[in-house]
All heavy atoms as atom14 arrays in JSON, in Angstrom:
{
  "sequence": "TYAWDRLERFIAALSHDTMRKAAQALGISQSTLVTQINR",
  "atom14_mask": [
    [1, 1, 1, 1, 1, 1, 1, 0, 0, 0, 0, 0, 0, 0],
    [1, 1, 1, 1, 1, 1, 1, 1, 1, 1, 1, 1, 0, 0],
    [1, 1, 1, 1, 1, 0, 0, 0, 0, 0, 0, 0, 0, 0],
    [1, 1, 1, 1, 1, 1, 1, 1, 1, 1, 1, 1, 1, 1],
    [1, 1, 1, 1, 1, 1, 1, 1, 0, 0, 0, 0, 0, 0],
    [1, 1, 1, 1, 1, 1, 1, 1, 1, 1, 1, 0, 0, 0],
    [1, 1, 1, 1, 1, 1, 1, 1, 0, 0, 0, 0, 0, 0],
    [1, 1, 1, 1, 1, 1, 1, 1, 1, 0, 0, 0, 0, 0],
    [1, 1, 1, 1, 1, 1, 1, 1, 1, 1, 1, 0, 0, 0],
    [1, 1, 1, 1, 1, 1, 1, 1, 1, 1, 1, 0, 0, 0],
    [1, 1, 1, 1, 1, 1, 1, 1, 0, 0, 0, 0, 0, 0],
    [1, 1, 1, 1, 1, 0, 0, 0, 0, 0, 0, 0, 0, 0],
    [1, 1, 1, 1, 1, 0, 0, 0, 0, 0, 0, 0, 0, 0],
    [1, 1, 1, 1, 1, 1, 1, 1, 0, 0, 0, 0, 0, 0],
    [1, 1, 1, 1, 1, 1, 0, 0, 0, 0, 0, 0, 0, 0],
    [1, 1, 1, 1, 1, 1, 1, 1, 1, 1, 0, 0, 0, 0],
    [1, 1, 1, 1, 1, 1, 1, 1, 0, 0, 0, 0, 0, 0],
    [1, 1, 1, 1, 1, 1, 1, 0, 0, 0, 0, 0, 0, 0],
    [1, 1, 1, 1, 1, 1, 1, 1, 0, 0, 0, 0, 0, 0],
    [1, 1, 1, 1, 1, 1, 1, 1, 1, 1, 1, 0, 0, 0],
    [1, 1, 1, 1, 1, 1, 1, 1, 1, 0, 0, 0, 0, 0],
    [1, 1, 1, 1, 1, 0, 0, 0, 0, 0, 0, 0, 0, 0],
    [1, 1, 1, 1, 1, 0, 0, 0, 0, 0, 0, 0, 0, 0],
    [1, 1, 1, 1, 1, 1, 1, 1, 1, 0, 0, 0, 0, 0],
    [1, 1, 1, 1, 1, 0, 0, 0, 0, 0, 0, 0, 0, 0],
    [1, 1, 1, 1, 1, 1, 1, 1, 0, 0, 0, 0, 0, 0],
    [1, 1, 1, 1, 0, 0, 0, 0, 0, 0, 0, 0, 0, 0],
    [1, 1, 1, 1, 1, 1, 1, 1, 0, 0, 0, 0, 0, 0],
    [1, 1, 1, 1, 1, 1, 0, 0, 0, 0, 0, 0, 0, 0],
    [1, 1, 1, 1, 1, 1, 1, 1, 1, 0, 0, 0, 0, 0],
    [1, 1, 1, 1, 1, 1, 0, 0, 0, 0, 0, 0, 0, 0],
    [1, 1, 1, 1, 1, 1, 1, 0, 0, 0, 0, 0, 0, 0],
    [1, 1, 1, 1, 1, 1, 1, 1, 0, 0, 0, 0, 0, 0],
    [1, 1, 1, 1, 1, 1, 1, 0, 0, 0, 0, 0, 0, 0],
    [1, 1, 1, 1, 1, 1, 1, 0, 0, 0, 0, 0, 0, 0],
    [1, 1, 1, 1, 1, 1, 1, 1, 1, 0, 0, 0, 0, 0],
    [1, 1, 1, 1, 1, 1, 1, 1, 0, 0, 0, 0, 0, 0],
    [1, 1, 1, 1, 1, 1, 1, 1, 0, 0, 0, 0, 0, 0],
    [1, 1, 1, 1, 1, 1, 1, 1, 1, 1, 1, 0, 0, 0]
  ],
  "atom14_positions": [
    [[-15.8, -3.75, -1.61], [-15.46, -3.55, -0.22], [-14.03, -3.14, -0.07], [-13.11, -3.65, -0.72], [-15.7, -4.88, 0.56], [-17.0, -5.38, 0.22], [-15.45, -4.77, 2.01], [0.0, 0.0, 0.0], [0.0, 0.0, 0.0], [0.0, 0.0, 0.0], [0.0, 0.0, 0.0], [0.0, 0.0, 0.0], [0.0, 0.0, 0.0], [0.0, 0.0, 0.0]],
    [[-13.84, -2.1, 0.75], [-12.53, -1.56, 1.11], [-11.83, -0.88, -0.06], [-10.61, -0.63, -0.02], [-11.59, -2.67, 1.66], [-12.17, -3.37, 2.81], [-12.56, -4.75, 2.79], [-12.42, -2.74, 4.03], [-13.12, -5.4, 3.83], [-13.01, -3.4, 5.11], [-13.33, -4.73, 4.97], [-13.87, -5.35, 6.08], [0.0, 0.0, 0.0], [0.0, 0.0, 0.0]],
    [[-12.54, -0.56, -1.12], [-11.89, 0.17, -2.29], [-11.25, 1.48, -1.87], [-10.16, 1.81, -2.29], [-12.94, 0.41, -3.41], [0.0, 0.0, 0.0], [0.0, 0.0, 0.0], [0.0, 0.0, 0.0], [0.0, 0.0, 0.0], [0.0, 0.0, 0.0], [0.0, 0.0, 0.0], [0.0, 0.0, 0.0], [0.0, 0.0, 0.0], [0.0, 0.0, 0.0]],
    [[-11.93, 2.21, -0.97], [-11.4, 3.54, -0.57], [-10.15, 3.32, 0.26], [-9.19, 4.1, 0.22], [-12.41, 4.39, 0.11], [-13.45, 4.86, -0.79], [-14.73, 4.56, -0.85], [-13.25, 5.84, -1.87], [-15.4, 5.24, -1.91], [-14.52, 5.98, -2.53], [-12.15, 6.54, -2.36], [-14.62, 6.81, -3.68], [-12.34, 7.37, -3.44], [-13.56, 7.53, -4.01]],
    [[-10.09, 2.21, 1.08], [-8.92, 1.9, 1.9], [-7.72, 1.61, 1.01], [-6.66, 2.05, 1.21], [-9.17, 0.75, 2.83], [-10.15, 1.02, 3.93], [-10.3, 2.25, 4.32], [-10.83, 0.07, 4.44], [0.0, 0.0, 0.0], [0.0, 0.0, 0.0], [0.0, 0.0, 0.0], [0.0, 0.0, 0.0], [0.0, 0.0, 0.0], [0.0, 0.0, 0.0]],
    [[-8.05, 0.85, -0.1], [-6.98, 0.55, -1.04], [-6.41, 1.83, -1.72], [-5.25, 2.02, -1.94], [-7.36, -0.46, -2.05], [-7.56, -1.87, -1.47], [-7.76, -2.91, -2.45], [-9.1, -2.78, -3.19], [-10.2, -3.3, -2.79], [-10.25, -4.0, -1.73], [-11.32, -3.19, -3.56], [0.0, 0.0, 0.0], [0.0, 0.0, 0.0], [0.0, 0.0, 0.0]],
    [[-7.37, 2.7, -2.04], [-7.04, 3.96, -2.69], [-6.12, 4.75, -1.72], [-5.12, 5.38, -2.14], [-8.23, 4.8, -3.12], [-7.97, 6.12, -3.79], [-7.12, 5.93, -5.08], [-9.31, 6.81, -4.06], [0.0, 0.0, 0.0], [0.0, 0.0, 0.0], [0.0, 0.0, 0.0], [0.0, 0.0, 0.0], [0.0, 0.0, 0.0], [0.0, 0.0, 0.0]],
    [[-6.5, 4.89, -0.52], [-5.73, 5.59, 0.52], [-4.32, 5.02, 0.63], [-3.38, 5.7, 0.7], [-6.39, 5.5, 1.88], [-7.77, 6.28, 1.95], [-7.66, 7.7, 2.18], [-6.65, 8.22, 2.59], [-8.67, 8.37, 1.85], [0.0, 0.0, 0.0], [0.0, 0.0, 0.0], [0.0, 0.0, 0.0], [0.0, 0.0, 0.0], [0.0, 0.0, 0.0]],
    [[-4.17, 3.67, 0.63], [-2.89, 3.06, 0.73], [-2.03, 3.31, -0.58], [-0.83, 3.48, -0.52], [-2.97, 1.63, 1.03], [-3.36, 1.42, 2.52], [-3.32, 0.02, 2.96], [-3.53, -0.09, 4.34], [-3.88, -1.23, 5.0], [-4.03, -2.31, 4.37], [-4.01, -1.15, 6.28], [0.0, 0.0, 0.0], [0.0, 0.0, 0.0], [0.0, 0.0, 0.0]],
    [[-2.69, 3.27, -1.72], [-2.02, 3.57, -2.95], [-1.48, 4.97, -2.87], [-0.22, 5.22, -3.2], [-2.99, 3.53, -4.18], [-2.49, 4.17, -5.4], [-1.46, 3.68, -6.12], [-3.1, 5.33, -5.85], [-0.99, 4.28, -7.29], [-2.62, 6.0, -6.92], [-1.58, 5.47, -7.71], [0.0, 0.0, 0.0], [0.0, 0.0, 0.0], [0.0, 0.0, 0.0]],
    [[-2.2, 5.98, -2.48], [-1.79, 7.35, -2.34], [-0.64, 7.44, -1.41], [0.35, 8.05, -1.7], [-2.96, 8.27, -1.96], [-4.01, 8.33, -3.08], [-2.45, 9.63, -1.62], [-5.29, 8.95, -2.79], [0.0, 0.0, 0.0], [0.0, 0.0, 0.0], [0.0, 0.0, 0.0], [0.0, 0.0, 0.0], [0.0, 0.0, 0.0], [0.0, 0.0, 0.0]],
    [[-0.75, 6.79, -0.27], [0.37, 6.8, 0.77], [1.62, 6.19, 0.24], [2.77, 6.6, 0.5], [-0.1, 6.09, 2.02], [0.0, 0.0, 0.0], [0.0, 0.0, 0.0], [0.0, 0.0, 0.0], [0.0, 0.0, 0.0], [0.0, 0.0, 0.0], [0.0, 0.0, 0.0], [0.0, 0.0, 0.0], [0.0, 0.0, 0.0], [0.0, 0.0, 0.0]],
    [[1.45, 5.14, -0.53], [2.71, 4.38, -1.13], [3.49, 5.33, -2.08], [4.65, 5.08, -2.22], [2.18, 3.1, -1.82], [0.0, 0.0, 0.0], [0.0, 0.0, 0.0], [0.0, 0.0, 0.0], [0.0, 0.0, 0.0], [0.0, 0.0, 0.0], [0.0, 0.0, 0.0], [0.0, 0.0, 0.0], [0.0, 0.0, 0.0], [0.0, 0.0, 0.0]],
    [[2.78, 6.26, -2.74], [3.48, 7.05, -3.73], [4.55, 7.96, -3.1], [5.49, 8.4, -3.86], [2.43, 7.93, -4.43], [1.38, 7.28, -5.24], [0.36, 8.21, -5.78], [2.08, 6.49, -6.39], [0.0, 0.0, 0.0], [0.0, 0.0, 0.0], [0.0, 0.0, 0.0], [0.0, 0.0, 0.0], [0.0, 0.0, 0.0], [0.0, 0.0, 0.0]],
    [[4.54, 8.16, -1.85], [5.65, 8.95, -1.21], [6.88, 8.13, -0.93], [7.87, 8.64, -0.3], [5.08, 9.67, 0.04], [4.71, 8.74, 1.0], [0.0, 0.0, 0.0], [0.0, 0.0, 0.0], [0.0, 0.0, 0.0], [0.0, 0.0, 0.0], [0.0, 0.0, 0.0], [0.0, 0.0, 0.0], [0.0, 0.0, 0.0], [0.0, 0.0, 0.0]],
    [[6.85, 6.89, -1.35], [8.08, 6.06, -1.05], [8.57, 5.49, -2.39], [7.84, 5.41, -3.39], [7.62, 4.86, -0.18], [7.08, 5.34, 1.15], [7.89, 5.73, 2.19], [5.81, 5.56, 1.56], [7.16, 6.1, 3.2], [5.83, 6.04, 2.78], [0.0, 0.0, 0.0], [0.0, 0.0, 0.0], [0.0, 0.0, 0.0], [0.0, 0.0, 0.0]],
    [[9.87, 5.12, -2.39], [10.55, 4.69, -3.55], [10.11, 3.22, -4.01], [10.04, 2.91, -5.17], [12.01, 4.73, -3.49], [12.59, 6.1, -3.46], [11.82, 7.06, -3.87], [13.7, 6.27, -2.97], [0.0, 0.0, 0.0], [0.0, 0.0, 0.0], [0.0, 0.0, 0.0], [0.0, 0.0, 0.0], [0.0, 0.0, 0.0], [0.0, 0.0, 0.0]],
    [[9.83, 2.38, -3.0], [9.53, 1.02, -3.24], [8.31, 0.58, -2.43], [7.93, 1.17, -1.43], [10.78, 0.11, -2.81], [10.91, 0.21, -1.41], [12.04, 0.48, -3.57], [0.0, 0.0, 0.0], [0.0, 0.0, 0.0], [0.0, 0.0, 0.0], [0.0, 0.0, 0.0], [0.0, 0.0, 0.0], [0.0, 0.0, 0.0], [0.0, 0.0, 0.0]],
    [[7.74, -0.56, -2.84], [6.63, -1.09, -2.09], [7.03, -1.55, -0.72], [6.26, -1.44, 0.2], [6.05, -2.34, -2.86], [5.37, -1.94, -4.13], [3.78, -1.21, -3.78], [3.11, -1.31, -5.42], [0.0, 0.0, 0.0], [0.0, 0.0, 0.0], [0.0, 0.0, 0.0], [0.0, 0.0, 0.0], [0.0, 0.0, 0.0], [0.0, 0.0, 0.0]],
    [[8.21, -2.04, -0.64], [8.77, -2.48, 0.66], [8.78, -1.34, 1.63], [8.3, -1.44, 2.82], [10.18, -3.15, 0.49], [10.73, -3.67, 1.8], [12.14, -4.27, 1.67], [13.13, -3.32, 1.13], [13.74, -2.38, 1.87], [13.43, -2.21, 3.14], [14.59, -1.59, 1.29], [0.0, 0.0, 0.0], [0.0, 0.0, 0.0], [0.0, 0.0, 0.0]],
    [[9.39, -0.25, 1.2], [9.48, 0.97, 2.15], [8.05, 1.46, 2.42], [7.79, 1.89, 3.57], [10.29, 2.03, 1.46], [11.74, 1.74, 1.4], [12.53, 2.83, 0.73], [13.97, 2.49, 0.57], [14.73, 3.58, -0.2], [0.0, 0.0, 0.0], [0.0, 0.0, 0.0], [0.0, 0.0, 0.0], [0.0, 0.0, 0.0], [0.0, 0.0, 0.0]],
    [[7.19, 1.5, 1.45], [5.8, 1.95, 1.66], [5.1, 1.09, 2.67], [4.43, 1.58, 3.59], [5.04, 2.0, 0.36], [0.0, 0.0, 0.0], [0.0, 0.0, 0.0], [0.0, 0.0, 0.0], [0.0, 0.0, 0.0], [0.0, 0.0, 0.0], [0.0, 0.0, 0.0], [0.0, 0.0, 0.0], [0.0, 0.0, 0.0], [0.0, 0.0, 0.0]],
    [[5.21, -0.24, 2.45], [4.53, -1.19, 3.41], [5.05, -1.04, 4.84], [4.34, -1.02, 5.75], [4.75, -2.57, 2.93], [0.0, 0.0, 0.0], [0.0, 0.0, 0.0], [0.0, 0.0, 0.0], [0.0, 0.0, 0.0], [0.0, 0.0, 0.0], [0.0, 0.0, 0.0], [0.0, 0.0, 0.0], [0.0, 0.0, 0.0], [0.0, 0.0, 0.0]],
    [[6.4, -0.86, 4.97], [6.98, -0.74, 6.32], [6.4, 0.62, 7.01], [6.04, 0.59, 8.1], [8.53, -0.54, 6.2], [9.19, -1.88, 6.01], [10.71, -1.72, 5.77], [11.2, -0.61, 5.4], [11.41, -2.78, 5.94], [0.0, 0.0, 0.0], [0.0, 0.0, 0.0], [0.0, 0.0, 0.0], [0.0, 0.0, 0.0], [0.0, 0.0, 0.0]],
    [[6.31, 1.66, 6.17], [5.77, 2.94, 6.72], [4.29, 2.79, 7.1], [3.88, 3.43, 8.09], [5.97, 4.07, 5.67], [0.0, 0.0, 0.0], [0.0, 0.0, 0.0], [0.0, 0.0, 0.0], [0.0, 0.0, 0.0], [0.0, 0.0, 0.0], [0.0, 0.0, 0.0], [0.0, 0.0, 0.0], [0.0, 0.0, 0.0], [0.0, 0.0, 0.0]],
    [[3.56, 2.0, 6.33], [2.18, 1.81, 6.59], [1.92, 0.76, 7.72], [0.77, 0.64, 8.11], [1.45, 1.38, 5.38], [1.32, 2.46, 4.27], [0.87, 1.91, 2.9], [0.35, 3.54, 4.75], [0.0, 0.0, 0.0], [0.0, 0.0, 0.0], [0.0, 0.0, 0.0], [0.0, 0.0, 0.0], [0.0, 0.0, 0.0], [0.0, 0.0, 0.0]],
    [[2.95, 0.02, 8.12], [2.82, -0.97, 9.13], [2.12, -2.22, 8.66], [1.42, -2.9, 9.48], [0.0, 0.0, 0.0], [0.0, 0.0, 0.0], [0.0, 0.0, 0.0], [0.0, 0.0, 0.0], [0.0, 0.0, 0.0], [0.0, 0.0, 0.0], [0.0, 0.0, 0.0], [0.0, 0.0, 0.0], [0.0, 0.0, 0.0], [0.0, 0.0, 0.0]],
    [[2.19, -2.56, 7.35], [1.64, -3.72, 6.8], [2.72, -4.53, 6.04], [3.74, -3.95, 5.81], [0.4, -3.4, 5.88], [0.87, -2.55, 4.7], [-0.72, -2.79, 6.62], [-0.24, -2.26, 3.7], [0.0, 0.0, 0.0], [0.0, 0.0, 0.0], [0.0, 0.0, 0.0], [0.0, 0.0, 0.0], [0.0, 0.0, 0.0], [0.0, 0.0, 0.0]],
    [[2.43, -5.74, 5.67], [3.39, -6.51, 4.92], [3.41, -6.03, 3.45], [2.43, -5.52, 2.95], [3.02, -7.99, 4.93], [1.92, -8.28, 4.19], [0.0, 0.0, 0.0], [0.0, 0.0, 0.0], [0.0, 0.0, 0.0], [0.0, 0.0, 0.0], [0.0, 0.0, 0.0], [0.0, 0.0, 0.0], [0.0, 0.0, 0.0], [0.0, 0.0, 0.0]],
    [[4.55, -6.22, 2.8], [4.68, -5.86, 1.39], [3.62, -6.65, 0.56], [3.09, -6.08, -0.37], [6.11, -6.17, 0.9], [6.29, -5.78, -0.54], [7.77, -5.97, -0.98], [8.64, -6.18, -0.21], [7.91, -5.99, -2.28], [0.0, 0.0, 0.0], [0.0, 0.0, 0.0], [0.0, 0.0, 0.0], [0.0, 0.0, 0.0], [0.0, 0.0, 0.0]],
    [[3.49, -7.87, 0.88], [2.53, -8.67, 0.06], [1.09, -8.21, 0.18], [0.36, -8.14, -0.77], [2.6, -10.21, 0.41], [2.23, -10.34, 1.74], [0.0, 0.0, 0.0], [0.0, 0.0, 0.0], [0.0, 0.0, 0.0], [0.0, 0.0, 0.0], [0.0, 0.0, 0.0], [0.0, 0.0, 0.0], [0.0, 0.0, 0.0], [0.0, 0.0, 0.0]],
    [[0.79, -7.7, 1.41], [-0.59, -7.1, 1.59], [-0.71, -5.83, 0.74], [-1.76, -5.7, 0.08], [-0.85, -6.81, 3.08], [-0.84, -8.0, 3.8], [-2.16, -6.07, 3.33], [0.0, 0.0, 0.0], [0.0, 0.0, 0.0], [0.0, 0.0, 0.0], [0.0, 0.0, 0.0], [0.0, 0.0, 0.0], [0.0, 0.0, 0.0], [0.0, 0.0, 0.0]],
    [[0.22, -4.99, 0.74], [0.24, -3.78, 0.04], [0.09, -4.02, -1.47], [-0.71, -3.43, -2.18], [1.42, -2.82, 0.35], [1.42, -1.49, -0.45], [0.22, -0.68, -0.15], [2.69, -0.76, -0.06], [0.0, 0.0, 0.0], [0.0, 0.0, 0.0], [0.0, 0.0, 0.0], [0.0, 0.0, 0.0], [0.0, 0.0, 0.0], [0.0, 0.0, 0.0]],
    [[0.94, -4.96, -1.98], [0.93, -5.32, -3.39], [-0.37, -5.83, -3.82], [-1.01, -5.51, -4.86], [2.04, -6.27, -3.69], [1.92, -6.82, -5.09], [3.42, -5.63, -3.6], [0.0, 0.0, 0.0], [0.0, 0.0, 0.0], [0.0, 0.0, 0.0], [0.0, 0.0, 0.0], [0.0, 0.0, 0.0], [0.0, 0.0, 0.0], [0.0, 0.0, 0.0]],
    [[-0.95, -6.77, -2.96], [-2.26, -7.31, -3.22], [-3.37, -6.21, -3.35], [-4.21, -6.27, -4.2], [-2.67, -8.33, -2.18], [-1.69, -9.45, -2.23], [-4.05, -8.91, -2.36], [0.0, 0.0, 0.0], [0.0, 0.0, 0.0], [0.0, 0.0, 0.0], [0.0, 0.0, 0.0], [0.0, 0.0, 0.0], [0.0, 0.0, 0.0], [0.0, 0.0, 0.0]],
    [[-3.31, -5.28, -2.39], [-4.29, -4.24, -2.39], [-4.14, -3.28, -3.58], [-5.2, -2.93, -4.18], [-4.19, -3.46, -1.1], [-4.67, -4.28, 0.08], [-4.71, -3.48, 1.46], [-4.03, -2.43, 1.53], [-5.3, -4.05, 2.41], [0.0, 0.0, 0.0], [0.0, 0.0, 0.0], [0.0, 0.0, 0.0], [0.0, 0.0, 0.0], [0.0, 0.0, 0.0]],
    [[-2.99, -2.99, -3.97], [-2.75, -2.11, -5.16], [-3.21, -2.89, -6.45], [-3.82, -2.35, -7.36], [-1.4, -1.56, -5.21], [-1.2, -0.54, -4.07], [-1.1, -0.9, -6.52], [0.13, 0.05, -3.95], [0.0, 0.0, 0.0], [0.0, 0.0, 0.0], [0.0, 0.0, 0.0], [0.0, 0.0, 0.0], [0.0, 0.0, 0.0], [0.0, 0.0, 0.0]],
    [[-2.83, -4.17, -6.47], [-3.26, -4.99, -7.58], [-4.79, -5.03, -7.74], [-5.31, -4.91, -8.8], [-2.75, -6.45, -7.52], [-1.27, -6.54, -7.79], [-0.66, -5.61, -8.35], [-0.66, -7.65, -7.34], [0.0, 0.0, 0.0], [0.0, 0.0, 0.0], [0.0, 0.0, 0.0], [0.0, 0.0, 0.0], [0.0, 0.0, 0.0], [0.0, 0.0, 0.0]],
    [[-5.48, -5.12, -6.59], [-6.92, -5.12, -6.62], [-7.52, -3.78, -7.08], [-8.45, -3.75, -7.82], [-7.48, -5.54, -5.2], [-8.99, -5.52, -5.06], [-9.62, -6.6, -5.93], [-11.03, -6.46, -5.95], [-11.91, -6.91, -5.09], [-11.48, -7.69, -4.07], [-13.18, -6.72, -5.19], [0.0, 0.0, 0.0], [0.0, 0.0, 0.0], [0.0, 0.0, 0.0]]
  ]
}
C-alpha cells in the first residue's frame, strides 16, 4: 500500500541536499519522509 507514493516522494527528495529540506518542500515532517524512504 502506498508504494508508488513513497517512490514519488523519494524522487522528489532527490532534488534536495538533505532530508530536512526535502521534507519541508514536500510539506511533511522529516521523520515521515525518512520512514517512507526506509520502507
